[in-house]
C-alpha atoms as a PDB file:
ATOM      1  CA  MET A   1       0.083  -0.143   0.001  1.00  0.00           C
ATOM      2  CA  ASP A   2       1.396   3.525  -0.900  1.00  0.00           C
ATOM      3  CA  PRO A   3       2.655   5.254   2.439  1.00  0.00           C
ATOM      4  CA  GLN A   4       0.422   8.275   1.828  1.00  0.00           C
ATOM      5  CA  GLN A   5      -2.705   6.471   1.340  1.00  0.00           C
ATOM      6  CA  LEU A   6      -1.835   4.444   4.506  1.00  0.00           C
ATOM      7  CA  GLU A   7      -1.061   7.701   6.315  1.00  0.00           C
ATOM      8  CA  HIS A   8      -4.523   9.082   5.229  1.00  0.00           C
ATOM      9  CA  GLU A   9      -6.235   5.892   6.437  1.00  0.00           C
ATOM     10  CA  ASN A  10      -4.641   6.146   9.834  1.00  0.00           C
ATOM     11  CA  ILE A  11      -6.021   9.647   9.968  1.00  0.00           C
ATOM     12  CA  GLY A  12      -9.645   8.848   9.188  1.00  0.00           C
ATOM     13  CA  GLU A  13      -9.332   5.918  11.646  1.00  0.00           C
ATOM     14  CA  ILE A  14      -7.930   8.267  14.264  1.00  0.00           C
ATOM     15  CA  THR A  15     -10.687  10.885  13.469  1.00  0.00           C
ATOM     16  CA  ARG A  16     -13.520   8.119  13.683  1.00  0.00           C
ATOM     17  CA  ARG A  17     -11.791   7.091  17.109  1.00  0.00           C
ATOM     18  CA  ASP A  18     -12.076  10.486  18.734  1.00  0.00           C
ATOM     19  CA  GLU A  19     -15.716  10.970  17.440  1.00  0.00           C
ATOM     20  CA  MET A  20     -16.895   7.787  19.106  1.00  0.00           C
ATOM     21  CA  ALA A  21     -14.868   8.827  22.080  1.00  0.00           C
ATOM     22  CA  GLY A  22     -16.795  12.113  22.053  1.00  0.00           C
ATOM     23  CA  ARG A  23     -20.189   9.862  21.840  1.00  0.00           C
ATOM     24  CA  LEU A  24     -18.922   7.798  24.954  1.00  0.00           C
ATOM     25  CA  MET A  25     -20.519   9.286  28.319  1.00  0.00           C
ATOM     26  CA  ILE A  26     -18.713   8.255  31.414  1.00  0.00           C
ATOM     27  CA  ALA A  27     -21.176   8.304  34.628  1.00  0.00           C
ATOM     28  CA  LEU A  28     -19.139   9.629  37.530  1.00  0.00           C
ATOM     29  CA  ASP A  29     -21.451   7.845  39.550  1.00  0.00           C
ATOM     30  CA  TYR A  30     -19.167   8.910  43.122  1.00  0.00           C
ATOM     31  CA  PRO A  31     -20.242  10.204  46.314  1.00  0.00           C
ATOM     32  CA  ASP A  32     -17.528  13.204  46.116  1.00  0.00           C
ATOM     33  CA  ALA A  33     -15.278  14.960  43.849  1.00  0.00           C
ATOM     34  CA  ALA A  34     -12.292  13.256  45.159  1.00  0.00           C
ATOM     35  CA  GLN A  35     -13.080   9.895  44.152  1.00  0.00           C
ATOM     36  CA  ALA A  36     -14.427  11.262  40.557  1.00  0.00           C
ATOM     37  CA  ARG A  37     -10.865  12.882  40.102  1.00  0.00           C
ATOM     38  CA  LEU A  38      -9.271   9.526  40.679  1.00  0.00           C
ATOM     39  CA  LEU A  39     -11.029   8.205  37.707  1.00  0.00           C
ATOM     40  CA  ILE A  40     -10.473  11.089  35.401  1.00  0.00           C
ATOM     41  CA  GLU A  41      -6.880  11.010  36.212  1.00  0.00           C
ATOM     42  CA  LYS A  42      -6.758   7.453  34.945  1.00  0.00           C
ATOM     43  CA  LEU A  43      -8.716   8.506  31.640  1.00  0.00           C
ATOM     44  CA  GLU A  44      -6.759  11.520  31.061  1.00  0.00           C
ATOM     45  CA  GLY A  45      -6.348  12.108  27.360  1.00  0.00           C
ATOM     46  CA  ILE A  46      -9.578  10.216  26.265  1.00  0.00           C
ATOM     47  CA  PRO A  47     -11.924  12.958  24.756  1.00  0.00           C
ATOM     48  CA  CYS A  48     -15.089  11.524  26.304  1.00  0.00           C
ATOM     49  CA  TYR A  49     -18.098  13.101  27.683  1.00  0.00           C
ATOM     50  CA  MET A  50     -18.553  13.278  31.387  1.00  0.00           C
ATOM     51  CA  LYS A  51     -21.723  12.546  33.052  1.00  0.00           C
ATOM     52  CA  VAL A  52     -22.522  14.238  36.535  1.00  0.00           C
ATOM     53  CA  GLY A  53     -25.531  12.752  38.013  1.00  0.00           C
ATOM     54  CA  MET A  54     -27.342  13.527  41.193  1.00  0.00           C
ATOM     55  CA  GLN A  55     -25.297  12.039  43.551  1.00  0.00           C
ATOM     56  CA  LEU A  56     -21.957  14.025  42.514  1.00  0.00           C
ATOM     57  CA  PHE A  57     -23.786  17.116  41.784  1.00  0.00           C
ATOM     58  CA  TYR A  58     -25.594  17.282  45.018  1.00  0.00           C
ATOM     59  CA  ALA A  59     -22.250  16.656  46.769  1.00  0.00           C
ATOM     60  CA  ALA A  60     -19.651  18.540  44.671  1.00  0.00           C
ATOM     61  CA  GLY A  61     -22.065  21.276  43.302  1.00  0.00           C
ATOM     62  CA  PRO A  62     -21.494  23.679  40.552  1.00  0.00           C
ATOM     63  CA  ASP A  63     -17.654  24.180  41.180  1.00  0.00           C
ATOM     64  CA  PHE A  64     -16.926  20.450  39.747  1.00  0.00           C
ATOM     65  CA  ILE A  65     -18.907  21.345  36.726  1.00  0.00           C
ATOM     66  CA  ARG A  66     -16.734  24.294  36.300  1.00  0.00           C
ATOM     67  CA  GLU A  67     -13.603  22.305  36.858  1.00  0.00           C
ATOM     68  CA  LEU A  68     -14.640  19.608  34.240  1.00  0.00           C
ATOM     69  CA  LYS A  69     -14.955  22.577  32.005  1.00  0.00           C
ATOM     70  CA  ALA A  70     -11.597  23.831  32.528  1.00  0.00           C
ATOM     71  CA  ARG A  71     -10.252  20.199  31.978  1.00  0.00           C
ATOM     72  CA  GLY A  72     -11.624  20.619  28.415  1.00  0.00           C
ATOM     73  CA  TYR A  73     -14.609  17.924  28.670  1.00  0.00           C
ATOM     74  CA  SER A  74     -18.057  18.120  27.418  1.00  0.00           C
ATOM     75  CA  VAL A  75     -20.501  17.623  30.496  1.00  0.00           C
ATOM     76  CA  PHE A  76     -24.110  15.971  30.903  1.00  0.00           C
ATOM     77  CA  VAL A  77     -25.641  17.083  33.965  1.00  0.00           C
ATOM     78  CA  ASP A  78     -27.920  14.390  34.529  1.00  0.00           C
ATOM     79  CA  VAL A  79     -30.579  15.602  37.159  1.00  0.00           C
ATOM     80  CA  LYS A  80     -33.839  14.920  35.451  1.00  0.00           C
ATOM     81  CA  MET A  81     -35.645  18.201  36.409  1.00  0.00           C
ATOM     82  CA  HIS A  82     -39.562  17.762  36.707  1.00  0.00           C
ATOM     83  CA  ASP A  83     -41.221  20.262  38.228  1.00  0.00           C
ATOM     84  CA  ILE A  84     -43.645  23.103  37.604  1.00  0.00           C
ATOM     85  CA  PRO A  85     -42.572  25.104  34.214  1.00  0.00           C
ATOM     86  CA  ASN A  86     -41.295  28.275  36.253  1.00  0.00           C
ATOM     87  CA  THR A  87     -38.970  25.993  38.364  1.00  0.00           C
ATOM     88  CA  VAL A  88     -37.731  24.180  35.657  1.00  0.00           C
ATOM     89  CA  ARG A  89     -36.926  27.530  33.687  1.00  0.00           C
ATOM     90  CA  GLY A  90     -34.774  28.689  36.608  1.00  0.00           C
ATOM     91  CA  GLY A  91     -32.963  25.427  36.782  1.00  0.00           C
ATOM     92  CA  ALA A  92     -32.338  25.486  33.384  1.00  0.00           C
ATOM     93  CA  GLU A  93     -31.103  28.986  33.080  1.00  0.00           C
ATOM     94  CA  SER A  94     -28.728  28.180  36.127  1.00  0.00           C
ATOM     95  CA  LEU A  95     -27.231  24.935  34.527  1.00  0.00           C
ATOM     96  CA  THR A  96     -26.886  26.973  31.379  1.00  0.00           C
ATOM     97  CA  MET A  97     -24.923  29.715  33.115  1.00  0.00           C
ATOM     98  CA  LEU A  98     -22.299  26.851  34.365  1.00  0.00           C
ATOM     99  CA  GLY A  99     -21.424  26.111  30.648  1.00  0.00           C
ATOM    100  CA  VAL A 100     -22.901  22.644  30.608  1.00  0.00           C
ATOM    101  CA  ASP A 101     -23.173  20.774  27.148  1.00  0.00           C
ATOM    102  CA  MET A 102     -26.205  18.850  28.021  1.00  0.00           C
ATOM    103  CA  PHE A 103     -29.128  18.599  30.840  1.00  0.00           C
ATOM    104  CA  ASN A 104     -32.204  16.872  31.136  1.00  0.00           C
ATOM    105  CA  VAL A 105     -35.913  16.618  32.143  1.00  0.00           C
ATOM    106  CA  HIS A 106     -38.601  14.258  32.495  1.00  0.00           C
ATOM    107  CA  ALA A 107     -40.673  14.047  29.325  1.00  0.00           C
ATOM    108  CA  SER A 108     -43.451  13.199  31.785  1.00  0.00           C
ATOM    109  CA  GLY A 109     -43.652  16.713  32.955  1.00  0.00           C
ATOM    110  CA  GLY A 110     -45.359  17.548  29.782  1.00  0.00           C
ATOM    111  CA  SER A 111     -44.814  19.925  26.938  1.00  0.00           C
ATOM    112  CA  ALA A 112     -44.927  23.347  28.681  1.00  0.00           C
ATOM    113  CA  MET A 113     -42.151  22.408  31.120  1.00  0.00           C
ATOM    114  CA  MET A 114     -40.056  21.107  28.461  1.00  0.00           C
ATOM    115  CA  ALA A 115     -40.547  24.318  26.734  1.00  0.00           C
ATOM    116  CA  ALA A 116     -39.827  26.192  29.847  1.00  0.00           C
ATOM    117  CA  ALA A 117     -36.450  24.337  30.089  1.00  0.00           C
ATOM    118  CA  LEU A 118     -35.335  25.853  26.435  1.00  0.00           C
ATOM    119  CA  ASP A 119     -36.886  29.202  27.813  1.00  0.00           C
ATOM    120  CA  GLY A 120     -34.650  29.244  30.625  1.00  0.00           C
ATOM    121  CA  ALA A 121     -31.547  28.001  28.595  1.00  0.00           C
ATOM    122  CA  ALA A 122     -32.040  30.857  26.026  1.00  0.00           C
ATOM    123  CA  GLN A 123     -32.283  33.341  28.691  1.00  0.00           C
ATOM    124  CA  ALA A 124     -29.112  32.596  30.043  1.00  0.00           C
ATOM    125  CA  VAL A 125     -27.688  32.559  26.663  1.00  0.00           C
ATOM    126  CA  SER A 126     -28.893  35.870  26.000  1.00  0.00           C
ATOM    127  CA  LEU A 127     -27.365  37.548  28.967  1.00  0.00           C
ATOM    128  CA  HIS A 128     -24.150  35.824  28.073  1.00  0.00           C
ATOM    129  CA  PRO A 129     -23.208  35.624  24.468  1.00  0.00           C
ATOM    130  CA  SER A 130     -20.202  33.742  25.329  1.00  0.00           C
ATOM    131  CA  LEU A 131     -22.113  30.636  26.552  1.00  0.00           C
ATOM    132  CA  ARG A 132     -23.803  28.187  23.976  1.00  0.00           C
ATOM    133  CA  MET A 133     -27.068  26.787  23.854  1.00  0.00           C
ATOM    134  CA  PRO A 134     -26.842  23.162  25.604  1.00  0.00           C
ATOM    135  CA  LEU A 135     -28.372  20.268  24.340  1.00  0.00           C
ATOM    136  CA  ILE A 136     -31.661  19.695  26.134  1.00  0.00           C
ATOM    137  CA  ILE A 137     -33.076  16.229  26.220  1.00  0.00           C
ATOM    138  CA  ALA A 138     -35.994  14.515  27.877  1.00  0.00           C
ATOM    139  CA  VAL A 139     -36.106  11.063  30.029  1.00  0.00           C
ATOM    140  CA  THR A 140     -38.482   8.587  28.584  1.00  0.00           C
ATOM    141  CA  GLN A 141     -38.702   5.627  30.560  1.00  0.00           C
ATOM    142  CA  LEU A 142     -35.640   4.544  32.916  1.00  0.00           C
ATOM    143  CA  THR A 143     -33.714   1.739  31.484  1.00  0.00           C
ATOM    144  CA  SER A 144     -34.352   0.024  34.879  1.00  0.00           C
ATOM    145  CA  THR A 145     -38.131  -0.114  34.029  1.00  0.00           C
ATOM    146  CA  SER A 146     -39.543  -3.331  32.654  1.00  0.00           C
ATOM    147  CA  GLN A 147     -42.931  -3.480  30.886  1.00  0.00           C
ATOM    148  CA  ALA A 148     -44.500  -4.998  33.969  1.00  0.00           C
ATOM    149  CA  VAL A 149     -43.265  -2.366  36.094  1.00  0.00           C
ATOM    150  CA  MET A 150     -44.282   0.377  33.707  1.00  0.00           C
ATOM    151  CA  ASN A 151     -47.974  -1.330  33.538  1.00  0.00           C
ATOM    152  CA  SER A 152     -48.874  -2.473  37.048  1.00  0.00           C
ATOM    153  CA  GLU A 153     -46.647  -0.018  39.280  1.00  0.00           C
ATOM    154  CA  ILE A 154     -46.539   3.213  37.220  1.00  0.00           C
ATOM    155  CA  GLY A 155     -49.838   2.649  35.613  1.00  0.00           C
ATOM    156  CA  ILE A 156     -49.035   3.172  31.725  1.00  0.00           C
ATOM    157  CA  ALA A 157     -50.543   0.606  29.758  1.00  0.00           C
ATOM    158  CA  GLY A 158     -49.160  -0.698  26.511  1.00  0.00           C
ATOM    159  CA  ASN A 159     -45.593  -1.621  25.701  1.00  0.00           C
ATOM    160  CA  VAL A 160     -42.254   0.135  26.669  1.00  0.00           C
ATOM    161  CA  GLU A 161     -41.322   0.996  22.890  1.00  0.00           C
ATOM    162  CA  ASP A 162     -44.618   2.838  22.040  1.00  0.00           C
ATOM    163  CA  THR A 163     -44.429   4.718  25.346  1.00  0.00           C
ATOM    164  CA  VAL A 164     -40.781   5.870  24.560  1.00  0.00           C
ATOM    165  CA  VAL A 165     -41.682   7.091  21.193  1.00  0.00           C
ATOM    166  CA  ARG A 166     -44.749   8.871  22.370  1.00  0.00           C
ATOM    167  CA  TYR A 167     -42.713  10.791  24.854  1.00  0.00           C
ATOM    168  CA  ALA A 168     -40.056  11.125  22.150  1.00  0.00           C
ATOM    169  CA  LYS A 169     -42.468  13.160  19.907  1.00  0.00           C
ATOM    170  CA  LEU A 170     -43.842  15.118  22.710  1.00  0.00           C
ATOM    171  CA  ALA A 171     -40.028  16.052  23.435  1.00  0.00           C
ATOM    172  CA  ALA A 172     -39.423  16.915  19.880  1.00  0.00           C
ATOM    173  CA  GLY A 173     -42.747  19.006  19.658  1.00  0.00           C
ATOM    174  CA  ALA A 174     -41.706  20.998  22.624  1.00  0.00           C
ATOM    175  CA  GLY A 175     -38.290  21.999  20.650  1.00  0.00           C
ATOM    176  CA  LEU A 176     -36.103  19.726  22.765  1.00  0.00           C
ATOM    177  CA  HIS A 177     -32.844  18.227  21.010  1.00  0.00           C
ATOM    178  CA  GLY A 178     -33.335  14.467  21.923  1.00  0.00           C
ATOM    179  CA  VAL A 179     -34.166  11.996  24.686  1.00  0.00           C
ATOM    180  CA  VAL A 180     -32.728   9.445  27.050  1.00  0.00           C
ATOM    181  CA  ALA A 181     -33.645   5.915  26.285  1.00  0.00           C
ATOM    182  CA  SER A 182     -32.782   2.380  25.926  1.00  0.00           C
ATOM    183  CA  PRO A 183     -30.808   1.491  22.862  1.00  0.00           C
ATOM    184  CA  GLN A 184     -33.462  -0.933  21.954  1.00  0.00           C
ATOM    185  CA  GLU A 185     -35.508   1.926  21.327  1.00  0.00           C
ATOM    186  CA  SER A 186     -33.312   4.178  19.556  1.00  0.00           C
ATOM    187  CA  ALA A 187     -34.338   3.036  15.751  1.00  0.00           C
ATOM    188  CA  ALA A 188     -37.977   3.730  16.756  1.00  0.00           C
ATOM    189  CA  ILE A 189     -37.160   6.963  17.958  1.00  0.00           C
ATOM    190  CA  THR A 190     -35.056   8.025  15.030  1.00  0.00           C
ATOM    191  CA  ALA A 191     -37.845   6.742  12.482  1.00  0.00           C
ATOM    192  CA  ALA A 192     -40.602   8.699  14.436  1.00  0.00           C
ATOM    193  CA  CYS A 193     -38.557  12.042  14.973  1.00  0.00           C
ATOM    194  CA  GLY A 194     -35.646  11.901  12.351  1.00  0.00           C
ATOM    195  CA  PRO A 195     -31.728  11.292  12.339  1.00  0.00           C
ATOM    196  CA  GLU A 196     -31.122  14.640  14.133  1.00  0.00           C
ATOM    197  CA  PHE A 197     -33.095  14.092  17.094  1.00  0.00           C
ATOM    198  CA  ARG A 198     -30.412  12.836  19.582  1.00  0.00           C
ATOM    199  CA  THR A 199     -30.684   9.359  21.405  1.00  0.00           C
ATOM    200  CA  VAL A 200     -28.729   9.387  24.422  1.00  0.00           C
ATOM    201  CA  THR A 201     -28.718   5.736  25.859  1.00  0.00           C
ATOM    202  CA  PRO A 202     -27.622   4.154  28.945  1.00  0.00           C
ATOM    203  CA  GLY A 203     -28.246   0.326  29.733  1.00  0.00           C
ATOM    204  CA  ILE A 204     -24.781  -0.139  27.656  1.00  0.00           C
ATOM    205  CA  ARG A 205     -23.186  -3.358  28.936  1.00  0.00           C
ATOM    206  CA  PRO A 206     -20.368  -5.117  27.060  1.00  0.00           C
ATOM    207  CA  ALA A 207     -20.736  -8.859  26.389  1.00  0.00           C
ATOM    208  CA  GLY A 208     -20.308 -10.804  29.450  1.00  0.00           C
ATOM    209  CA  SER A 209     -20.870  -7.803  31.748  1.00  0.00           C
ATOM    210  CA  SER A 210     -23.453  -7.813  34.692  1.00  0.00           C
ATOM    211  CA  LEU A 211     -26.612  -6.332  34.150  1.00  0.00           C
ATOM    212  CA  ASP A 212     -26.654  -4.902  37.597  1.00  0.00           C
ATOM    213  CA  ASP A 213     -29.952  -2.836  37.837  1.00  0.00           C
ATOM    214  CA  GLN A 214     -30.549  -2.617  34.143  1.00  0.00           C
ATOM    215  CA  SER A 215     -33.558  -4.350  32.424  1.00  0.00           C
ATOM    216  CA  ARG A 216     -33.097  -3.070  28.873  1.00  0.00           C
ATOM    217  CA  VAL A 217     -29.662  -3.471  27.477  1.00  0.00           C
ATOM    218  CA  MET A 218     -27.314  -3.588  24.250  1.00  0.00           C
ATOM    219  CA  THR A 219     -23.697  -3.811  23.987  1.00  0.00           C
ATOM    220  CA  PRO A 220     -21.721  -0.811  22.898  1.00  0.00           C
ATOM    221  CA  GLY A 221     -21.401  -2.111  19.108  1.00  0.00           C
ATOM    222  CA  GLN A 222     -24.950  -2.856  18.903  1.00  0.00           C
ATOM    223  CA  ALA A 223     -26.123   0.480  20.372  1.00  0.00           C
ATOM    224  CA  ILE A 224     -23.967   2.249  17.621  1.00  0.00           C
ATOM    225  CA  ARG A 225     -25.543   0.097  14.843  1.00  0.00           C
ATOM    226  CA  GLN A 226     -29.131   0.772  16.090  1.00  0.00           C
ATOM    227  CA  GLY A 227     -28.414   4.428  15.932  1.00  0.00           C
ATOM    228  CA  SER A 228     -27.813   5.578  19.605  1.00  0.00           C
ATOM    229  CA  HIS A 229     -25.975   9.021  19.151  1.00  0.00           C
ATOM    230  CA  TYR A 230     -24.559   8.929  22.702  1.00  0.00           C
ATOM    231  CA  LEU A 231     -23.648   5.832  24.816  1.00  0.00           C
ATOM    232  CA  VAL A 232     -23.779   6.135  28.652  1.00  0.00           C
ATOM    233  CA  VAL A 233     -21.449   3.786  30.429  1.00  0.00           C
ATOM    234  CA  GLY A 234     -21.002   3.945  34.134  1.00  0.00           C
ATOM    235  CA  ARG A 235     -20.007   0.555  36.289  1.00  0.00           C
ATOM    236  CA  PRO A 236     -18.350  -1.457  33.376  1.00  0.00           C
ATOM    237  CA  ILE A 237     -15.903   1.363  33.486  1.00  0.00           C
ATOM    238  CA  THR A 238     -15.627   3.009  36.974  1.00  0.00           C
ATOM    239  CA  ALA A 239     -15.916  -0.500  38.694  1.00  0.00           C
ATOM    240  CA  ALA A 240     -13.435  -2.137  36.080  1.00  0.00           C
ATOM    241  CA  ALA A 241      -9.831  -3.187  37.309  1.00  0.00           C
ATOM    242  CA  ASP A 242      -8.456  -1.017  34.764  1.00  0.00           C
ATOM    243  CA  PRO A 243     -10.754   1.727  33.900  1.00  0.00           C
ATOM    244  CA  ARG A 244      -8.928   3.227  31.184  1.00  0.00           C
ATOM    245  CA  ALA A 245      -8.535  -0.267  29.166  1.00  0.00           C
ATOM    246  CA  ALA A 246     -12.308  -0.760  29.740  1.00  0.00           C
ATOM    247  CA  ALA A 247     -13.203   2.688  28.287  1.00  0.00           C
ATOM    248  CA  LEU A 248     -10.697   2.252  25.275  1.00  0.00           C
ATOM    249  CA  SER A 249     -12.185  -1.425  24.836  1.00  0.00           C
ATOM    250  CA  ILE A 250     -15.774   0.293  24.418  1.00  0.00           C
ATOM    251  CA  ILE A 251     -14.469   3.110  22.156  1.00  0.00           C
ATOM    252  CA  GLU A 252     -12.940   0.569  20.130  1.00  0.00           C
ATOM    253  CA  GLU A 253     -15.927  -1.519  19.628  1.00  0.00           C
ATOM    254  CA  MET A 254     -17.826   1.663  18.982  1.00  0.00           C
ATOM    255  CA  THR A 255     -15.189   2.467  16.352  1.00  0.00           C
ATOM    256  CA  GLN A 256     -15.781  -0.779  14.628  1.00  0.00           C
ATOM    257  CA  ALA A 257     -19.728  -1.008  14.779  1.00  0.00           C
END
């Protein structure tokens, strides 16, 4: 093979690998910033997204988000807002002021609440033009929710996929940028809402991994092939003996999908 051709192919491979790294969201599910920093140090140089959920955000607060942004990471604040529209509007404005790249609300809060989140984010950007509009996504059904739980405990009839797609359409109609859903529903969401509507998918488990408390799961390669835009991975990386190797293995599987 011509050396110049090989060089171009290698550059293309690196570009795709970096793209896939940017679509991997690592869930920093830790009780404090110090433990999260230990993982971040092991992952240094991998251009992944960092997801900060309720436990860490409530413990470490906005300063930790600013720290992640200063380190150059894209940040998804996963606090699943669900309240009256005015309260969600204020919360969205505050998160946007932190420079977050993505945050979420519950689709079950309704169209007015989701639109209020957009309004709050837009207000922050209008006051501070250096800010970028974050991606605002809606939670459909948690990946820990089985159909039996959805039907008998939550009180929603029908199957999970139909409910997820209905919530996705509601979110798209409210102007949101995407939804959180199982990778099993990614293709149906894309069919209903279009390819630009983002799917953020937890429930990612490499082959042979424990399912933990997840009910609707896929491997990283399967999720990419189904059309998931972002893959959220927690314990298969954070609980691994070698988190860096685990993350790189997942990125490689995504790259080859």
